Amino acid sequence: MGDKVDKFCIFNVNDDVNHRAFSIDFEAYNYFVIRLNYDKGRFGCNIIFGEKLIALNNSQEWWDEADFDVFFMELQKELELRIPDKYLQAHGWL
């Protein structure tokens, strides 16, 4: 996603052999704050909207089986659907 993402923050790291988990917050398109959560092999992304999280659909749900090219392509598509075209065009992303 290149220059479309920025400001990464890793937190809630649990590296116990029986329970691995972490979260990564990052800014996408200078428009949304996104949270990627990983917990015991399952992962997914949400848009942070105040106190609420808006789940983003993705066919890649299991870390060990994920095709990350597909994951990032689907994430990009989900985000761009929610951002005005004029904004994306103004930044050279559309």
Foldseek 3Di string as FASTA:
>chain_A
DPPQKDDKDKDPADDDPVKGKIKIWIHGNVPFIKIWIDIPFFIFIWTDDPPDTHGADAPATGNVPDDVVRRVVSVVVRVVVVDDPVSCVVVPND
